[in-house]
C-alpha atoms as a PDB file:
ATOM      1  CA  MET A   1       3.761   6.397  16.833  1.00  0.00           C
ATOM      2  CA  LYS A   2       3.278   8.925  14.045  1.00  0.00           C
ATOM      3  CA  ARG A   3       5.558   6.947  11.761  1.00  0.00           C
ATOM      4  CA  PHE A   4       4.315   3.523  12.233  1.00  0.00           C
ATOM      5  CA  GLY A   5       2.748   3.603   8.855  1.00  0.00           C
ATOM      6  CA  GLU A   6       5.661   4.548   7.036  1.00  0.00           C
ATOM      7  CA  LYS A   7       7.604   1.952   8.747  1.00  0.00           C
ATOM      8  CA  LEU A   8       5.217  -0.731   7.759  1.00  0.00           C
ATOM      9  CA  ARG A   9       5.195   0.262   4.300  1.00  0.00           C
ATOM     10  CA  THR A  10       9.270   0.283   4.392  1.00  0.00           C
ATOM     11  CA  LEU A  11       9.292  -3.137   5.813  1.00  0.00           C
ATOM     12  CA  ARG A  12       6.646  -4.518   3.240  1.00  0.00           C
ATOM     13  CA  GLN A  13       8.304  -3.261   0.337  1.00  0.00           C
ATOM     14  CA  GLN A  14      11.690  -4.389   1.654  1.00  0.00           C
ATOM     15  CA  HIS A  15      10.357  -7.807   1.833  1.00  0.00           C
ATOM     16  CA  GLY A  16       8.775  -7.641  -1.675  1.00  0.00           C
ATOM     17  CA  MET A  17       5.147  -7.990  -0.532  1.00  0.00           C
ATOM     18  CA  SER A  18       1.819  -6.452  -1.485  1.00  0.00           C
ATOM     19  CA  GLN A  19      -0.679  -4.896   0.989  1.00  0.00           C
ATOM     20  CA  GLY A  20      -2.814  -7.748   0.266  1.00  0.00           C
ATOM     21  CA  ASP A  21       0.087 -10.477   1.212  1.00  0.00           C
ATOM     22  CA  VAL A  22       0.418  -8.560   4.581  1.00  0.00           C
ATOM     23  CA  GLY A  23      -3.287  -8.357   4.966  1.00  0.00           C
ATOM     24  CA  ASP A  24      -3.595 -12.081   4.497  1.00  0.00           C
ATOM     25  CA  MET A  25      -0.985 -12.804   6.941  1.00  0.00           C
ATOM     26  CA  LEU A  26      -2.566 -10.564   9.289  1.00  0.00           C
ATOM     27  CA  GLY A  27      -6.303 -11.656   8.594  1.00  0.00           C
ATOM     28  CA  VAL A  28      -7.390  -8.281   7.521  1.00  0.00           C
ATOM     29  CA  SER A  29      -8.262  -6.804   4.038  1.00  0.00           C
ATOM     30  CA  GLN A  30      -5.727  -5.056   1.737  1.00  0.00           C
ATOM     31  CA  ARG A  31      -7.583  -1.926   2.430  1.00  0.00           C
ATOM     32  CA  HIS A  32      -7.050  -2.245   6.332  1.00  0.00           C
ATOM     33  CA  VAL A  33      -3.211  -2.413   5.592  1.00  0.00           C
ATOM     34  CA  SER A  34      -3.475   0.543   3.297  1.00  0.00           C
ATOM     35  CA  ASN A  35      -5.041   2.529   6.153  1.00  0.00           C
ATOM     36  CA  MET A  36      -2.348   1.753   8.657  1.00  0.00           C
ATOM     37  CA  GLU A  37       0.188   2.565   6.185  1.00  0.00           C
ATOM     38  CA  ARG A  38      -1.505   6.068   5.771  1.00  0.00           C
ATOM     39  CA  GLY A  39      -2.136   6.519   9.381  1.00  0.00           C
ATOM     40  CA  GLU A  40      -5.662   6.250   9.393  1.00  0.00           C
ATOM     41  CA  LYS A  41      -5.777   3.246  11.364  1.00  0.00           C
ATOM     42  CA  MET A  42      -3.638   1.884  14.215  1.00  0.00           C
ATOM     43  CA  PRO A  43      -3.060  -1.852  14.918  1.00  0.00           C
ATOM     44  CA  HIS A  44      -4.275  -3.362  18.296  1.00  0.00           C
ATOM     45  CA  VAL A  45      -1.591  -4.963  20.284  1.00  0.00           C
ATOM     46  CA  ALA A  46      -2.069  -8.405  18.959  1.00  0.00           C
ATOM     47  CA  MET A  47      -1.841  -7.120  15.300  1.00  0.00           C
ATOM     48  CA  LEU A  48       1.221  -5.202  16.348  1.00  0.00           C
ATOM     49  CA  LEU A  49       3.043  -8.313  17.827  1.00  0.00           C
ATOM     50  CA  LYS A  50       2.116 -10.176  14.565  1.00  0.00           C
ATOM     51  CA  ILE A  51       3.611  -7.424  12.351  1.00  0.00           C
ATOM     52  CA  SER A  52       6.821  -7.712  14.335  1.00  0.00           C
ATOM     53  CA  ARG A  53       6.954 -11.400  14.246  1.00  0.00           C
ATOM     54  CA  ILE A  54       6.392 -11.342  10.349  1.00  0.00           C
ATOM     55  CA  PHE A  55       8.990  -8.826   9.751  1.00  0.00           C
ATOM     56  CA  ASP A  56      11.450  -9.847  12.495  1.00  0.00           C
ATOM     57  CA  VAL A  57      11.802  -6.551  14.137  1.00  0.00           C
ATOM     58  CA  SER A  58      10.982  -5.353  17.731  1.00  0.00           C
ATOM     59  CA  SER A  59       7.717  -3.808  18.638  1.00  0.00           C
ATOM     60  CA  ASP A  60       9.437  -0.928  19.928  1.00  0.00           C
ATOM     61  CA  GLN A  61      11.003  -0.389  16.458  1.00  0.00           C
ATOM     62  CA  LEU A  62       7.688  -0.218  15.009  1.00  0.00           C
ATOM     63  CA  ILE A  63       5.941   2.092  17.570  1.00  0.00           C
ATOM     64  CA  LYS A  64       8.633   4.484  18.808  1.00  0.00           C
ATOM     65  CA  ASP A  65       9.141   7.259  16.407  1.00  0.00           C
ATOM     66  CA  GLU A  66      12.788   7.698  17.343  1.00  0.00           C
ATOM     67  CA  LEU A  67      14.044   4.097  16.765  1.00  0.00           C
ATOM     68  CA  GLU A  68      14.877   3.407  13.180  1.00  0.00           C
ATOM     69  CA  LEU A  69      14.323  -0.119  11.729  1.00  0.00           C
END
């Protein structure tokens, strides 16, 4: 799950969203999203599922380092 943050950043940028936009959708601050992208925080299961729904990717793609987006 080391690559989660970079995958989150890539998906966010591909969808033309700011960290604040993603934070609003997840019910967290922009800072929290920034921390996740830098690998300083990891999402809990419910948030991980929300992220996968927002970006229409599987949770496996988000958490398994060997799987690409």
